[in-house]
Protein backbone atom coordinates (compact mmCIF):
# COMPACT_ATOMS: atom_id res chain seq x y z
CA UNK A 1 125.29 167.72 -60.78
CA UNK A 2 126.21 166.27 -57.99
CA UNK A 3 125.05 163.27 -56.17
CA UNK A 4 122.04 164.63 -53.92
CA UNK A 5 123.71 161.56 -51.43
CA UNK A 6 126.62 164.33 -50.83
CA UNK A 7 123.77 166.79 -50.24
CA UNK A 8 124.30 168.15 -46.11
CA UNK A 9 120.43 168.34 -44.58
CA UNK A 10 119.94 171.80 -43.48
CA UNK A 11 117.28 172.92 -40.92
CA UNK A 12 117.18 176.61 -39.93
CA UNK A 13 115.96 176.31 -36.64
CA UNK A 14 116.84 180.11 -35.04
CA UNK A 15 113.83 180.75 -33.31
CA UNK A 16 115.43 178.04 -30.93
CA UNK A 17 117.94 178.09 -28.51
CA UNK A 18 117.17 174.96 -27.23
CA UNK A 19 115.66 171.84 -29.50
CA UNK A 20 115.65 168.07 -28.54
CA UNK A 21 116.26 165.94 -31.02
CA UNK A 22 115.04 162.44 -30.88
CA UNK A 23 116.60 160.08 -33.63
CA UNK A 24 113.71 157.26 -34.02
CA UNK A 25 114.36 154.11 -35.63
CA UNK A 26 113.53 150.11 -35.03
CA UNK A 27 110.00 149.97 -35.22
CA UNK A 28 109.93 146.46 -37.02
CA UNK A 29 106.44 147.32 -37.78
CA UNK A 30 104.83 143.60 -38.42
CA UNK A 31 106.39 141.87 -36.12
CA UNK A 32 103.76 140.21 -33.02
CA UNK A 33 106.26 142.55 -30.31
CA UNK A 34 106.15 146.03 -31.52
CA UNK A 35 105.49 147.60 -28.05
CA UNK A 36 103.05 150.23 -29.99
CA UNK A 37 102.41 152.12 -25.53
CA UNK A 38 106.44 152.59 -25.48
CA UNK A 39 106.37 154.16 -29.81
CA UNK A 40 103.10 156.11 -28.51
CA UNK A 41 104.71 157.98 -25.60
CA UNK A 42 108.01 159.10 -27.60
CA UNK A 43 105.82 160.26 -30.76
CA UNK A 44 103.63 162.15 -28.25
CA UNK A 45 106.26 163.72 -26.05
CA UNK A 46 107.66 164.30 -29.61
CA UNK A 47 104.52 166.18 -30.82
CA UNK A 48 103.77 168.33 -27.31
CA UNK A 49 106.75 169.92 -27.29
CA UNK A 50 107.57 173.09 -30.82
CA UNK A 51 111.37 172.82 -30.22
CA UNK A 52 111.16 168.62 -30.44
CA UNK A 53 112.11 167.41 -33.82
CA UNK A 54 113.23 164.07 -34.65
CA UNK A 55 115.41 161.85 -37.74
CA UNK A 56 114.18 158.05 -38.60
CA UNK A 57 116.93 155.63 -39.17
CA UNK A 58 115.99 153.01 -40.64
CA UNK A 59 114.16 149.36 -39.82
CA UNK A 60 110.80 150.84 -39.93
CA UNK A 61 109.12 147.81 -40.85
CA UNK A 62 109.90 144.59 -40.14
CA UNK A 63 110.10 143.31 -44.14
CA UNK A 64 109.96 139.71 -43.53
CA UNK A 65 109.72 137.04 -46.31
CA UNK A 66 110.73 133.38 -46.79
CA UNK A 67 114.26 133.58 -46.67
CA UNK A 68 114.46 136.31 -43.95
CA UNK A 69 115.67 135.96 -40.32
CA UNK A 70 112.69 137.32 -39.23
CA UNK A 71 110.47 135.07 -40.32
CA UNK A 72 107.13 135.00 -42.05
CA UNK A 73 104.72 132.90 -40.54
CA UNK A 74 105.80 135.12 -37.47
CA UNK A 75 104.45 138.69 -38.67
CA UNK A 76 101.48 140.09 -38.57
CA UNK A 77 101.10 141.91 -41.64
CA UNK A 78 101.06 142.09 -45.15
CA UNK A 79 103.93 144.70 -46.38
CA UNK A 80 101.16 147.71 -47.41
CA UNK A 81 99.39 146.92 -43.68
CA UNK A 82 103.03 147.63 -42.44
CA UNK A 83 103.47 150.62 -44.12
CA UNK A 84 100.06 152.03 -43.70
CA UNK A 85 100.56 151.56 -39.93
CA UNK A 86 103.64 153.00 -39.93
CA UNK A 87 102.51 156.54 -41.98
CA UNK A 88 99.31 156.19 -39.74
CA UNK A 89 101.57 156.52 -36.23
CA UNK A 90 104.28 159.37 -38.07
CA UNK A 91 101.31 161.20 -39.34
CA UNK A 92 101.06 163.18 -36.34
CA UNK A 93 104.62 164.57 -36.04
CA UNK A 94 105.58 164.85 -39.94
CA UNK A 95 106.38 168.12 -39.62
CA UNK A 96 108.66 167.29 -37.03
CA UNK A 97 111.00 164.51 -39.04
CA UNK A 98 114.23 166.21 -40.34
CA UNK A 99 115.85 163.36 -42.62
CA UNK A 100 115.03 159.35 -43.13
CA UNK A 101 117.05 156.86 -43.95
CA UNK A 102 116.85 153.30 -44.96
CA UNK A 103 117.19 150.09 -42.52
CA UNK A 104 118.79 146.79 -43.60
CA UNK A 105 115.28 145.34 -43.52
CA UNK A 106 113.47 147.88 -46.55
CA UNK A 107 117.04 147.59 -48.12
CA UNK A 108 116.71 143.79 -48.42
CA UNK A 109 112.89 144.56 -50.03
CA UNK A 110 114.40 147.40 -52.06
CA UNK A 111 116.73 144.74 -53.67
CA UNK A 112 113.99 142.44 -54.19
CA UNK A 113 111.10 144.15 -55.50
CA UNK A 114 112.02 147.70 -56.11
CA UNK A 115 109.73 148.74 -54.26
CA UNK A 116 111.30 151.56 -51.26
CA UNK A 117 108.93 151.51 -48.48
CA UNK A 118 110.61 154.92 -47.37
CA UNK A 119 110.71 156.73 -50.35
CA UNK A 120 107.50 156.55 -49.91
CA UNK A 121 107.03 157.09 -46.08
CA UNK A 122 108.83 161.01 -47.51
CA UNK A 123 106.29 161.64 -50.14
CA UNK A 124 102.84 160.70 -48.48
CA UNK A 125 104.81 162.78 -45.20
CA UNK A 126 105.92 165.86 -47.13
CA UNK A 127 104.61 169.50 -44.72
CA UNK A 128 101.40 170.88 -45.14
CA UNK A 129 100.98 174.42 -45.64
CA UNK A 130 102.27 174.49 -49.52
CA UNK A 131 99.54 176.67 -51.52
CA UNK A 132 98.40 174.94 -54.17
CA UNK A 133 100.70 174.64 -57.32
CA UNK A 134 103.75 174.91 -55.56
CA UNK A 135 105.49 171.66 -55.09
CA UNK A 136 105.67 170.33 -51.86
CA UNK A 137 109.12 169.25 -51.14
CA UNK A 138 109.48 165.79 -49.19
CA UNK A 139 111.42 164.72 -46.48
CA UNK A 140 115.19 164.57 -46.99
CA UNK A 141 115.75 160.93 -47.85
CA UNK A 142 119.05 159.70 -47.75
CA UNK A 143 119.11 156.24 -48.00
CA UNK A 144 122.62 154.88 -47.55
CA UNK A 145 122.78 157.26 -44.56
CA UNK A 146 123.52 161.26 -43.69
CA UNK A 147 124.84 164.83 -42.53
CA UNK A 148 122.25 166.86 -41.26
CA UNK A 149 122.58 170.82 -40.34
CA UNK A 150 120.97 172.52 -37.63
CA UNK A 151 120.84 176.43 -37.10
CA UNK A 152 120.42 177.45 -33.52
CA UNK A 153 119.90 181.16 -32.79
CA UNK A 154 120.48 183.27 -29.28
CA UNK A 155 119.63 187.29 -29.03
CA UNK A 156 120.72 187.76 -32.48
CA UNK A 157 123.51 185.40 -32.82
CA UNK A 158 123.45 181.78 -34.39
CA UNK A 159 125.61 178.40 -34.71
CA UNK A 160 125.54 175.17 -36.39
CA UNK A 161 125.59 172.06 -35.20
CA UNK A 162 126.40 169.00 -36.86
CA UNK A 163 125.31 165.01 -36.89
CA UNK A 164 126.17 162.30 -39.19
CA UNK A 165 123.45 159.35 -38.93
CA UNK A 166 123.37 155.87 -40.82
CA UNK A 167 121.55 152.40 -39.53
CA UNK A 168 124.11 150.46 -39.39
CA UNK A 169 125.60 147.19 -40.18
CA UNK A 170 126.78 143.51 -38.51
CA UNK A 171 125.68 141.85 -35.49
CA UNK A 172 127.69 142.90 -32.36
CA UNK A 173 126.30 141.39 -29.04
CA UNK A 174 128.60 142.97 -26.59
CA UNK A 175 128.04 146.46 -25.71
CA UNK A 176 131.81 147.43 -25.83
CA UNK A 177 131.09 145.75 -30.01
CA UNK A 178 127.90 148.17 -30.55
CA UNK A 179 129.17 151.20 -29.42
CA UNK A 180 132.86 150.33 -30.91
CA UNK A 181 131.00 150.84 -34.48
CA UNK A 182 129.21 154.48 -33.52
CA UNK A 183 132.77 155.23 -32.48
CA UNK A 184 134.09 154.30 -35.79
CA UNK A 185 131.68 156.83 -37.74
CA UNK A 186 134.28 159.41 -36.32
CA UNK A 187 136.11 157.65 -38.84
CA UNK A 188 133.88 158.76 -41.90
CA UNK A 189 132.54 162.18 -40.90
CA UNK A 190 134.13 165.44 -39.28
CA UNK A 191 130.45 166.55 -36.77
CA UNK A 192 129.46 166.82 -33.38
CA UNK A 193 127.22 164.16 -33.44
CA UNK A 194 126.85 160.83 -34.53
CA UNK A 195 123.82 158.42 -34.44
CA UNK A 196 123.88 154.46 -35.50
CA UNK A 197 120.65 151.86 -35.49
CA UNK A 198 120.42 148.69 -35.97
CA UNK A 199 121.87 146.88 -32.61
CA UNK A 200 118.85 147.98 -30.24
CA UNK A 201 120.72 148.88 -27.50
CA UNK A 202 120.32 152.31 -26.36
CA UNK A 203 124.32 153.85 -25.45
CA UNK A 204 125.42 157.27 -24.98
CA UNK A 205 129.43 157.94 -25.25
CA UNK A 206 131.73 160.74 -25.61
CA UNK A 207 134.71 160.84 -27.46
CA UNK A 208 136.95 164.36 -27.39
CA UNK A 209 139.68 165.24 -30.00
CA UNK A 210 142.68 168.02 -29.85
CA UNK A 211 141.99 170.38 -32.65
CA UNK A 212 144.88 173.18 -33.67
CA UNK A 213 143.33 177.32 -33.88
CA UNK A 214 141.09 177.80 -37.06
CA UNK A 215 140.45 181.49 -36.41
CA UNK A 216 142.21 184.63 -34.57
CA UNK A 217 145.50 182.52 -36.02
CA UNK A 218 148.61 184.93 -34.81
CA UNK A 219 152.52 184.56 -35.65
CA UNK A 220 153.21 187.00 -32.61
CA UNK A 221 151.31 185.46 -29.71
CA UNK A 222 150.81 181.86 -28.24
CA UNK A 223 148.32 180.04 -30.03
CA UNK A 224 146.94 176.67 -28.12
CA UNK A 225 145.20 173.74 -28.36
CA UNK A 226 141.17 172.96 -27.78
CA UNK A 227 139.20 170.27 -27.21
CA UNK A 228 136.19 169.81 -28.96
CA UNK A 229 133.50 167.13 -28.27
CA UNK A 230 132.18 164.50 -29.64
CA UNK A 231 128.96 162.63 -29.07
CA UNK A 232 128.09 159.28 -29.83
CA UNK A 233 124.61 157.63 -29.86
CA UNK A 234 122.80 153.70 -30.14
CA UNK A 235 119.70 154.26 -30.90
CA UNK A 236 117.05 151.93 -28.86
CA UNK A 237 114.51 149.67 -30.66
CA UNK A 238 110.95 148.58 -30.34
CA UNK A 239 110.64 145.53 -30.03
CA UNK A 240 109.92 142.88 -27.04
CA UNK A 241 111.82 140.20 -26.07
CA UNK A 242 110.75 137.43 -28.63
CA UNK A 243 111.34 136.16 -31.61
CA UNK A 244 114.94 135.19 -33.70
CA UNK A 245 116.07 138.37 -31.28
CA UNK A 246 115.73 135.30 -28.06
CA UNK A 247 116.28 132.47 -30.95
CA UNK A 248 119.47 133.99 -30.82
CA UNK A 249 120.36 134.95 -27.41
CA UNK A 250 120.49 138.38 -27.45
CA UNK A 251 120.52 139.82 -24.64
CA UNK A 252 116.98 141.59 -23.90
CA UNK A 253 117.32 145.59 -23.51
CA UNK A 254 115.51 148.34 -22.76
CA UNK A 255 112.50 149.76 -25.16
CA UNK A 256 113.03 153.42 -26.71
CA UNK A 257 115.54 155.74 -27.66
CA UNK A 258 118.17 158.66 -26.15
CA UNK A 259 117.33 162.08 -26.58
CA UNK A 260 119.90 164.79 -27.60
CA UNK A 261 119.63 168.29 -26.02
CA UNK A 262 120.96 170.43 -27.97
CA UNK A 263 121.65 174.34 -26.73
CA UNK A 264 122.90 177.72 -27.81
CA UNK A 265 124.53 179.43 -24.60
CA UNK A 266 126.33 181.93 -23.26
CA UNK A 267 129.89 181.49 -22.48
CA UNK A 268 130.31 185.38 -21.41
CA UNK A 269 128.77 188.61 -22.10
CA UNK A 270 130.01 188.78 -25.40
CA UNK A 271 130.56 184.77 -26.66
CA UNK A 272 128.73 181.60 -27.11
CA UNK A 273 128.91 177.83 -27.60
CA UNK A 274 126.58 174.68 -28.55
CA UNK A 275 125.88 172.48 -25.14
CA UNK A 276 125.24 168.98 -26.64
CA UNK A 277 124.73 165.91 -24.33
CA UNK A 278 122.27 162.86 -24.27
CA UNK A 279 120.20 160.87 -21.83
CA UNK A 280 117.98 157.97 -21.74
């Protein structure tokens, strides 16, 4: 049996020709300086729009312990209380969560205690509307990172868009170093959009690749290269400037996260193309 980590998370959204994907990460629930006002604004925006969805990309809880970088005395609540608070925040949009990964903070607790709070989360937030006696499928969980495939539709035509998300690693300080980590994911997966968190710094960048013809290949007429656009997303964070972030001299960052807009558009009367871009 193949490892479930290799399984692409597939979501059929062909009723939409345009969707918004809002990657959420680095809530750090439990930290004293979480901006709940900013957080609730994103949750409400997703909740009010039928074509808005999200994926959760790690460090949703602060998970401080005796020897961690976020020091234990700086947290306001216990891990179980952090979890209950996180679940309450996400419950209004639980049917819009397409995938969940695990961050370094949750990973550390898992390694020390074998308690996987993100595994509990995907179970507790599983979708409603399933008849009694039928197994309710949990939200897809890829602790180490995962690939997401979304199908959009327009006037009888459909197209797939793929994204790859992983929480992130390391302690980059400069914007260039943070962006490069997102770009490095292009060596990992061949998708349309790469999503990296961890650095609490919002960034949007594009990378283009030349591609050979994949269909309608001819040996009697010229064949031409095409340019394939790749989108690199560094998600933001929701902690105000304080604590270990300030002590270590990290640069203050805007709170929030980029909004990814994906649309299936008419190229001409007979063909369609995917338009993918993002905004801060």
